[in-house]
């Protein structure tokens, strides 16, 4: 697993503060964000509809939530040049969200 393109999301603090009422916490322990908070952060960052983001497996890295984002389809240009109409290529991108910090990483799987 290779994580690339570290990106801190400014919306993280806003989303986390909405989800967690700090007045209910008596300790100063770090708050681990939930799957739902991570999903909302990624949705806001990518500016896509919530259903475009799906959970991926943990890939052995328990400190991250992994997601697949459907960024839309594009016409297949080589197919069109060959006379094939209506063929599209899916644009799927993979992301990891750090459970402690809310940082978003572009996730690329390497073997």
Protein backbone atom coordinates (compact mmCIF):
# COMPACT_ATOMS: atom_id res chain seq x y z
CA UNK A 1 0.00 0.00 0.00
CA UNK A 2 1.36 3.37 -0.95
CA UNK A 3 -0.28 6.54 0.29
CA UNK A 4 0.36 9.63 -1.77
CA UNK A 5 -0.82 13.23 -1.95
CA UNK A 6 -1.37 14.22 1.66
CA UNK A 7 -4.14 16.78 1.87
CA UNK A 8 -5.45 18.43 4.99
CA UNK A 9 -9.06 19.41 4.73
CA UNK A 10 -10.14 22.70 6.22
CA UNK A 11 -13.67 21.38 6.60
CA UNK A 12 -12.43 18.72 9.03
CA UNK A 13 -12.63 20.93 12.10
CA UNK A 14 -16.11 22.12 11.18
CA UNK A 15 -17.46 18.61 10.54
CA UNK A 16 -15.83 17.22 13.66
CA UNK A 17 -17.17 20.01 15.83
CA UNK A 18 -20.69 19.40 14.52
CA UNK A 19 -20.43 15.69 15.18
CA UNK A 20 -18.89 15.94 18.64
CA UNK A 21 -20.13 18.28 21.33
CA UNK A 22 -16.98 19.12 23.26
CA UNK A 23 -19.00 20.12 26.33
CA UNK A 24 -19.84 16.44 26.88
CA UNK A 25 -16.17 15.43 27.05
CA UNK A 26 -14.45 15.86 30.37
CA UNK A 27 -11.03 14.57 29.29
CA UNK A 28 -8.55 16.03 26.84
CA UNK A 29 -8.18 12.71 24.97
CA UNK A 30 -7.82 12.90 21.22
CA UNK A 31 -11.06 12.12 19.43
CA UNK A 32 -10.85 9.41 16.77
CA UNK A 33 -13.18 10.34 13.96
CA UNK A 34 -15.94 7.93 13.05
CA UNK A 35 -16.50 6.27 9.69
CA UNK A 36 -19.44 8.66 9.10
CA UNK A 37 -17.30 11.73 9.86
CA UNK A 38 -14.55 10.47 7.52
CA UNK A 39 -17.17 9.84 4.80
CA UNK A 40 -18.58 13.37 5.25
CA UNK A 41 -15.09 14.92 5.13
CA UNK A 42 -14.21 13.15 1.90
CA UNK A 43 -17.59 13.99 0.35
CA UNK A 44 -17.12 17.69 1.20
CA UNK A 45 -13.52 17.70 -0.03
CA UNK A 46 -14.30 16.06 -3.37
CA UNK A 47 -17.58 17.99 -3.77
CA UNK A 48 -19.48 14.89 -4.85
CA UNK A 49 -22.81 13.43 -3.83
CA UNK A 50 -22.60 11.14 -0.76
CA UNK A 51 -23.53 8.02 -2.74
CA UNK A 52 -20.42 8.51 -4.93
CA UNK A 53 -18.23 7.47 -1.97
CA UNK A 54 -18.08 3.83 -0.93
CA UNK A 55 -16.16 2.12 1.83
CA UNK A 56 -13.18 -0.04 0.86
CA UNK A 57 -11.48 -2.62 3.06
CA UNK A 58 -8.90 -1.62 5.68
CA UNK A 59 -6.07 -3.25 3.70
CA UNK A 60 -4.31 -4.06 6.96
CA UNK A 61 -3.92 -0.41 8.00
CA UNK A 62 -6.30 0.02 10.93
CA UNK A 63 -5.33 3.69 11.40
CA UNK A 64 -7.15 4.67 8.19
CA UNK A 65 -10.62 4.46 6.71
CA UNK A 66 -10.43 3.55 3.01
CA UNK A 67 -12.88 4.74 0.37
CA UNK A 68 -13.50 4.45 -3.35
CA UNK A 69 -14.89 7.54 -5.05
CA UNK A 70 -16.86 7.38 -8.30
CA UNK A 71 -15.78 10.56 -10.04
CA UNK A 72 -18.02 10.01 -13.05
CA UNK A 73 -17.62 8.33 -16.40
CA UNK A 74 -15.83 9.55 -19.49
CA UNK A 75 -16.42 8.57 -23.11
CA UNK A 76 -13.92 5.99 -24.35
CA UNK A 77 -12.00 7.91 -27.05
CA UNK A 78 -10.23 4.88 -28.58
CA UNK A 79 -13.60 3.12 -28.77
CA UNK A 80 -15.18 6.12 -30.48
CA UNK A 81 -12.35 6.21 -33.03
CA UNK A 82 -13.14 2.58 -33.84
CA UNK A 83 -16.79 3.45 -34.42
CA UNK A 84 -18.08 2.13 -31.08
CA UNK A 85 -20.55 4.63 -29.66
CA UNK A 86 -21.84 4.77 -26.10
CA UNK A 87 -18.82 3.15 -24.45
CA UNK A 88 -17.71 4.86 -21.25
CA UNK A 89 -14.79 4.39 -18.86
CA UNK A 90 -15.36 4.69 -15.11
CA UNK A 91 -13.21 7.16 -13.20
CA UNK A 92 -12.69 5.58 -9.77
CA UNK A 93 -10.24 7.04 -7.29
CA UNK A 94 -9.15 5.65 -3.95
CA UNK A 95 -8.63 7.60 -0.74
CA UNK A 96 -7.57 6.96 2.85
CA UNK A 97 -8.69 9.13 5.78
CA UNK A 98 -6.54 9.15 8.92
CA UNK A 99 -8.74 8.18 11.89
CA UNK A 100 -6.86 10.48 14.29
CA UNK A 101 -6.26 13.61 12.25
CA UNK A 102 -8.86 13.51 9.47
CA UNK A 103 -6.11 14.02 6.88
CA UNK A 104 -7.06 12.71 3.44
CA UNK A 105 -4.58 10.74 1.37
CA UNK A 106 -4.80 9.54 -2.20
CA UNK A 107 -4.44 5.76 -1.80
CA UNK A 108 -2.75 3.68 -4.45
CA UNK A 109 -2.35 -0.05 -4.03
CA UNK A 110 0.99 -1.50 -5.09
CA UNK A 111 2.05 -5.14 -5.05
